[in-house]
Amino acid sequence: MKPYVLHFDQIDRTGLPDVGGKGANLGEMSRAGFPVPRGFCITTRAYKEFTAASTEMDGLLDMLDRLQPDQLDEISKLGRRIRDHLQSLAIPETVKSAIIEGWQQSGEDREYAVRSSATAEDLPTASFAGQQETYLNVQGTDQLLQAVRKCWASLFTDRSIVYRVRNRFDHRTVFLSVVAQRMVFPEVSGIMFTADPVTGNRKVVSIDASFGLGEALVSGIVSADLYQVKADKLIKKQIARKEIARKEIAVYARPGGGTDNLEIAEEMQTAPSLSDGQAIRLARMGRSIETHFGSPQDIEWCLADGEIFILQSRPITTLYPVPPAETGDQVRLFLSFGHVQMMTEAIKPLGISVLRTLIPLGKSTPLGESGLLVEAGGRLYSDVVTRLLEYQQLSKRLPELLLNVDEMFSQAVREFMEREEFQTAVRPGKRIKFSLLRKTFPTALAILKNILYRENDQAIDMMNRFIAENVDESRKLLHEVSGSDRITRIQEILHTILAMAVARVAQYLPTALITYKLIENLSRRWLGDTAEMGGISKSPPGNVTTEMGLALGDVADAVRNHPAVIEYLEHASDETFFENLKAVPGGEEVLPVFLGFFERYGMRGTGEIDVTRPRWREVPTQLVPAILGHIKGVRPGQHRLDFLAGKKEAELAAERLLERLRAKPLGSVKGRIMRRLIKVHRFLIGIREHPKYFIVQNFDLIKQAILQEGAGLAADGVLEDAEDVFWLSLQEIKEVLETRRLDRDLINRRKEKFQRDEKLAPTRAITSEGEIIIAKPGAHVPPGALAGSPVSAGKAEGRARVILKLGEAKMDKGDILVAPYTDPAWTPLFPLAAGLVTEVGGLMTHGAVVAREYGIPAVVGVEEATRKIRDGQKIRVDGARGFVEILE
């Protein structure tokens, strides 16, 4: 049977179930030779026996299980009741004797710090930092036993309960050990992070230091001196950054037990708490501890008589994972693929594998996965920008080009280029090979011809035929084979479809983007403004996403005259959506309209670049809020009339622009040039959505094929469920199909990782050192306004509708849509929206293009918009200057 007490030299990192995270880490460091003051742990067995003596705990825990993290009043009352109950319990005699014996062996004449150590504390995935209590300068048996009982009760503080609920820890499976550690009475103490906790830079050791005990820093009653040491400068003994704070208070031990807050002498308040040499020594020790544990650490330390002591070390759990980079010392900049594709949620392993296989470049084999995309935190990142910045011709243009994707991408790249480490390591000097220029010359010439004289009116029809023919071909190819051969066929299809799509639009989409920029720049140069730009982009022909939105409006019009169908939709389930619709009065009449829509667009869905995400045909209820909102807010046929009105407005805007130009010198020539540019732009901008439309249709076929193979594996007992294939890569699925064997623990580990990744906030730009580059949008904003990128001109005031998931959307006509991002699946909400605000996006991303087509003012790239703007608030969107004002 496990003992009630273990001394530090009896503990290592495997002891977590017995001594909790804090105790296990202290024992591990002590045994590894780090300067940890002596001590012992009162094990979780002692806690279990203590609580087992209670006849009320089971009932109290049952009550606790029923509470939600937002029920703060109930949590507070119940938490206090549990704590009072535990502090009234007597400690069993066998436990008490073991504690006293451990104290005597460790040194009964010494003072102790008594700290709680939970089994769900100081973990790589959840720190639980500060959730339980600490008692300092504890002297004698009475104080010790009282502190132990208080530590046990502190497992049920309000903050501890809420933390467990939010992190999905069962109250019954988290136990408490208590650490009793000899007190050190230091001159200086503090906290050290072996990675910068603000920027995430893994090369920076950040040290907070102040006089006296570290409790002053932990409790926040004093400002700390800051010392930052860059890892590559440790040998040179240089401090990268130093800020000396005014330190007015320090915590010191009180004779007889406890602590006092004492005022620091005036002449010492602005004195450095550490010398540069001491900071360097601390940083080196921090690096040693990090190396021992294998991850960045949050370390409590103190300095007494010139000697360093380590009081605690825990993993830093708030850092975003660093994308894996090529070996070498050069710092690389990674940009988020998800922010480009308007899908920032975590992606399952199969989805990542499919996307990496889709990229035709950077592969060791044609059917393999591209090294240009790497996974970090369940998202995909690429350092392609760093590679491109090595070319002199591209380094100056790249930030400007990135404005079309995301303004903050552009700002991050500019900031990265200004850094000393970039300028000394990268130094753009490579030149683009003439052979590459020769390959791109025909496309460049075709773009020029498109702008100057080609009609371009058949481009979209040609693209539609290409998509239909190639999707049919993919369908046939996947039906011809099965088993591992089918996965090989999927890899072959993925390897080719992106290149095929790009080749088809290579001369058209750049033409549309270039002409838009030319219209804008020439308007500003010749007229001094861009007043007509908002109108010119409205209702262009051929955009498949706009056509999808119009088609859903047709569905809403078919439904609106059937009250029973409307009522059915409000309570419909995905599994029986179409079958049960038939039995509803009016259902037979509207069913063909539904089926027609899902036949054409059922492969779409939110986050559709992830092949594992549900498609609309699988979860048709996702569209119900948009349909009902359309019925409530848009008159019958109005969506079609609005589209035609947008087209007419675009024609009038073009005429106004041309009329103004004719009044200028050389107006006739300028007018002809502008007319040509407008014509070309409107013919071709609709093709922007076609490549994704093509790829998503192939993804749908691929998903169906993989699920069929998964169903076979599940029927044979290899998988528990067909969708378990989502946790494997394409190559792994192929191997499982061939061997009929699978390590199910692998799937469980990946599910756990995905749950952790889902909670991470993905960053747009991160370096290979782990530093998150947060660039601010360039807009000049009024005080209190939220800055973003202006992508669709105009102003709108209205009620904010903060929508995180399309399936939960509830919008009325005239609301302003506030969302993390919008991909094509969100298009049905645009006819209802008076304005658009997103956290992600750029001038030519989906939301911006569609907003301009609908004439909706839009601001994108607004950091934390869905958190800073509350649902129902009145806001103003300025789509010309790029900011959002909260009016109430």
Foldseek 3Di string as FASTA:
>chain_A
DDDQKAWLCRAALVCLQWAARFSNLSSNCVVVPAFAFTWMKGTLVQLVVLCVVDPCVVVLLVVLVPDALVPLVVLQVSLVVQLVVLLPTDRDPSSLVRVVVRCVVSPQQFFWKKAKHKSQDLALAHHCPPQFDIFGRQHDSVSVVSVQSRRQSSCSHSSNSSVCNVVVHRSVSMTIMMMIGGDDWFQKWWKWWCAPPPFQFNQKIKTWMDGTDHVCVVVVVFGTWIWIDGNVCLVVLDTPDTDFAQGQWYWGADPPGGIDIDGDDPVCRRPHSDDSVVVSVVSVVQVVSCVVVVAIWIWIWGAHPNDIHTHGIGHDNQFWFFWDDDDDDQKFKKFFPCLQQFHQFAFFQALQQLVQLLDQPQDPDNLGGHPQWTDTLRTTIGRVVLVQCLAPVCVVCVLVVCQQRFNFVSQLSVVVCPDPSCCVPRPNDDHDDVVVVVVCVVLVVLLVCLLPPDQLLCLLVVLVVVLVVVLVVLLVQLVVDAALVSLSSSSVCSSPLLVVLCVSCSNFQVSLVVLLVVLQVVCCVQPVHNVLSLLQLAQFPRQVLLVLLVLLLVLLLLCLVFVQLLVCLVPDFLVCRLVVLVVTVSSVVSSVSVVVSCVLQQLDDPPLSRLLDHGCNNGVSLCSQLSVQSSFAPDRPVSVVLSVVSVVSSVVSLVVSLVVQCVGVVSVVVSVSSVSSSSSNSSRNSCLCSSVSSVSSSSSSVSVSQLVNLVVLCVVVQDVHSSLCSNDYSVVSSVCSVPVHDDVVSSVVSVVSSVSSSPHDDARMAMSSSGGDGGARPFDDDPPWFFFAQQRADKAKDFEAEDEGSSPDHAHARYEYEYQGDDSVCLSCQNRHQAYEHLGTRNNHDVSSSCSNSSHGYGYNGHPRSPVDDGGFIKMGGNVRGIIGGPD
